[in-house]
Amino acid sequence: MRYSMKPNLDELKSEIPQQIESRGLTLFPGFSRVMDQVAMVFWNSKKNPDYREFLDAAEKTGAKVIVFYDRDFAADLIEDALEHLEEADLPRDEQRSYERRLREMRVYDGFTCAIELSFDLNGVAYLFELRTDWYEELTEILDDIESSMPDDDEDDDAHLGGYFSKN
């Protein structure tokens, strides 16, 4: 069975651990590895969104441990983004559009927005990631806001970085 391009990540979040364990692999609940400082190869989940194909590849390479990470969306990210949006150097129409869209995204509070699977082989991390369309849109908005922030060396910690991967 192939997944449609819009899988329900909340369903997959409970299905994937069962699938990993049924294959005799060890599930390691970990954190996102996207920012790890190791050589990394990303699975093309746009063309091959079925995580089982990734697990097949892991098995064939002899992997024994699969790192599993899931991210639940927290609406407080929206509040932070709205605060930064007020400070961003964006055209007023674009600011209003982003503000409207950000407020609409509050309905996703508590939903799974990203799932990541990975395994290591010979010093390389192999990574599979699925994200919802709305989370992809959110990361694009956050990138735009971040790149439109006025230069302020004193307030580097207040930026939105670290909430999403640049992948």
Foldseek 3Di string as FASTA:
>chain_A
DADDLADQVVVVVVVVVVVCVVVQAAEAADADCLPPPFAEDEDPCNVGVDCVVVVVVCVVLPFRYKYKYWDQDALVLLVLLLVLLVQFPDPPVVSVVLNVLSVVCNVSHGGTAKMKIWTDDPRYIYMYMDGGPSVVVVVVSLVNSQVRHPDDVVPVVSHSPPPDHPD
